[in-house]
Amino acid sequence: MFLGEHFLQFSGQGRIILPAKIRDNLETVILVRGLDGCIWGFSESFWQEESDKYLKVPLTEVEGRNMRRYIFSAAEKVVLDNQGRFVIPLPLVSHANLKGQVAVIGAGDHFEIWDVGAWKKVKKRLLNEELFKIS
């Protein structure tokens, strides 16, 4: 399970070091263009389960074609070195507008990579909204 909030420097060449708490037992990750302007990161085993969901919507439906195009066209498998470093592909760097400092956050079944400014705005909104109704 991916947990926590981590801030780290992002090199201009797309290289980051995945925090130890996030990379525990990972050798490879699948990076995907996420929603809300971030990058989603999945373990290979969970990605297989998740991608099967996208493939269930038939190709004959516009939603099925669009979802496949959005998710799979920018998905990349990356290998972590022994220090947890990897390079984020340029199309994903551009999608998330990454530069300078980035936030890597755990989101349970996946992790997310955000531009720090964008993450702070999302986090502020999350903290100021009543997101969950607990009875």
Protein backbone atom coordinates (compact mmCIF):
# COMPACT_ATOMS: atom_id res chain seq x y z
CA MET A 1 0.00 0.00 0.00
CA PHE A 2 1.30 3.44 -0.93
CA LEU A 3 1.20 5.96 1.94
CA GLY A 4 2.52 9.37 2.90
CA GLU A 5 3.46 12.70 1.41
CA HIS A 6 7.03 13.31 0.28
CA PHE A 7 8.69 16.38 -1.22
CA LEU A 8 11.82 16.06 -3.30
CA GLN A 9 13.88 17.80 -5.94
CA PHE A 10 13.21 17.02 -9.55
CA SER A 11 16.08 17.17 -12.00
CA GLY A 12 15.49 18.80 -15.35
CA GLN A 13 16.35 15.53 -17.05
CA GLY A 14 13.30 13.84 -15.58
CA ARG A 15 15.09 11.87 -12.87
CA ILE A 16 13.69 11.46 -9.39
CA ILE A 17 14.35 9.18 -6.46
CA LEU A 18 11.23 7.40 -5.30
CA PRO A 19 11.04 7.70 -1.50
CA ALA A 20 11.91 4.48 0.36
CA LYS A 21 8.41 4.20 1.88
CA ILE A 22 6.88 4.32 -1.60
CA ARG A 23 9.35 2.07 -3.42
CA ASP A 24 9.38 -0.74 -0.84
CA ASN A 25 9.56 -4.04 -2.78
CA LEU A 26 9.27 -2.36 -6.20
CA GLU A 27 11.68 -3.00 -9.05
CA THR A 28 9.53 -1.56 -11.79
CA VAL A 29 6.57 0.78 -11.89
CA ILE A 30 4.01 1.69 -14.49
CA LEU A 31 3.63 5.44 -14.90
CA VAL A 32 0.40 6.72 -16.39
CA ARG A 33 -1.04 10.10 -17.30
CA GLY A 34 -3.29 10.71 -14.31
CA LEU A 35 -6.35 12.85 -13.97
CA ASP A 36 -6.20 16.28 -12.29
CA GLY A 37 -2.76 17.06 -13.74
CA CYS A 38 -0.62 14.48 -11.97
CA ILE A 39 1.13 11.22 -12.84
CA TRP A 40 -0.13 7.93 -11.44
CA GLY A 41 2.33 5.20 -10.49
CA PHE A 42 1.32 1.55 -10.13
CA SER A 43 3.06 -1.66 -9.19
CA GLU A 44 3.08 -4.04 -12.16
CA SER A 45 0.70 -6.48 -10.48
CA PHE A 46 -1.86 -3.82 -9.59
CA TRP A 47 -1.52 -2.20 -13.02
CA GLN A 48 -2.56 -5.49 -14.60
CA GLU A 49 -5.74 -5.50 -12.51
CA GLU A 50 -6.42 -1.81 -13.11
CA SER A 51 -5.83 -1.93 -16.86
CA ASP A 52 -8.23 -4.86 -17.18
CA LYS A 53 -11.00 -2.51 -15.97
CA TYR A 54 -10.30 -0.06 -18.80
CA LEU A 55 -10.41 -2.87 -21.33
CA LYS A 56 -13.88 -4.03 -20.28
CA VAL A 57 -15.62 -1.09 -21.95
CA PRO A 58 -16.10 -2.23 -25.57
CA LEU A 59 -14.16 -0.62 -28.40
CA THR A 60 -17.47 -0.02 -30.13
CA GLU A 61 -18.31 2.59 -27.48
CA VAL A 62 -16.75 6.05 -27.68
CA GLU A 63 -15.96 5.95 -23.94
CA GLY A 64 -14.03 2.71 -24.39
CA ARG A 65 -11.91 4.11 -27.20
CA ASN A 66 -11.29 7.42 -25.46
CA MET A 67 -10.29 5.85 -22.17
CA ARG A 68 -7.85 3.49 -23.89
CA ARG A 69 -6.32 6.37 -25.84
CA TYR A 70 -5.95 8.54 -22.75
CA ILE A 71 -4.56 5.87 -20.41
CA PHE A 72 -2.43 3.63 -22.63
CA SER A 73 -0.92 6.19 -25.03
CA ALA A 74 1.21 7.74 -22.29
CA ALA A 75 1.72 4.69 -20.05
CA GLU A 76 5.35 3.70 -19.53
CA LYS A 77 7.08 0.91 -17.65
CA VAL A 78 10.15 2.21 -15.82
CA VAL A 79 12.83 0.31 -13.96
CA LEU A 80 14.12 1.61 -10.64
CA ASP A 81 17.85 1.42 -10.02
CA ASN A 82 19.17 0.12 -6.68
CA GLN A 83 18.74 3.59 -5.13
CA GLY A 84 15.15 3.97 -6.34
CA ARG A 85 15.99 6.39 -9.14
CA PHE A 86 14.19 6.46 -12.46
CA VAL A 87 13.50 8.82 -15.34
CA ILE A 88 9.98 10.09 -15.94
CA PRO A 89 9.28 10.15 -19.71
CA LEU A 90 9.04 13.66 -21.16
CA PRO A 91 5.34 13.46 -22.18
CA LEU A 92 4.47 12.70 -18.54
CA VAL A 93 6.76 15.47 -17.26
CA SER A 94 4.91 17.88 -19.56
CA HIS A 95 1.49 16.56 -18.55
CA ALA A 96 2.18 17.19 -14.85
CA ASN A 97 4.15 20.41 -15.51
CA LEU A 98 7.01 19.14 -13.34
CA LYS A 99 9.91 21.40 -12.49
CA GLY A 100 11.94 22.12 -9.38
CA GLN A 101 10.31 20.43 -6.44
CA VAL A 102 7.75 17.64 -6.75
CA ALA A 103 5.39 15.95 -4.34
CA VAL A 104 5.08 12.17 -4.32
CA ILE A 105 2.00 11.13 -2.43
CA GLY A 106 0.67 7.74 -1.48
CA ALA A 107 -2.91 7.13 -2.60
CA GLY A 108 -3.44 3.59 -1.32
CA ASP A 109 -3.38 1.40 -4.42
CA HIS A 110 -1.12 3.79 -6.35
CA PHE A 111 1.13 6.79 -5.83
CA GLU A 112 0.94 10.17 -7.51
CA ILE A 113 3.62 12.59 -8.67
CA TRP A 114 2.63 16.27 -8.59
CA ASP A 115 4.16 19.65 -9.21
CA VAL A 116 4.39 20.99 -5.63
CA GLY A 117 2.34 24.11 -6.36
CA ALA A 118 -0.45 22.10 -7.97
CA TRP A 119 -0.45 19.57 -5.10
CA LYS A 120 -0.66 22.35 -2.47
CA LYS A 121 -3.74 23.79 -4.23
CA VAL A 122 -5.41 20.38 -4.42
CA LYS A 123 -4.51 19.62 -0.80
CA LYS A 124 -5.90 22.96 0.38
CA ARG A 125 -9.16 22.30 -1.45
CA LEU A 126 -9.34 18.80 0.02
CA LEU A 127 -8.81 20.11 3.54
CA ASN A 128 -11.44 22.82 3.12
CA GLU A 129 -14.20 20.63 1.69
CA GLU A 130 -16.42 18.16 3.41
CA LEU A 131 -15.31 15.18 1.35
CA PHE A 132 -16.65 12.35 3.40
CA LYS A 133 -19.91 11.98 5.22
CA ILE A 134 -19.33 9.74 8.19
CA SER A 135 -22.41 8.72 10.10
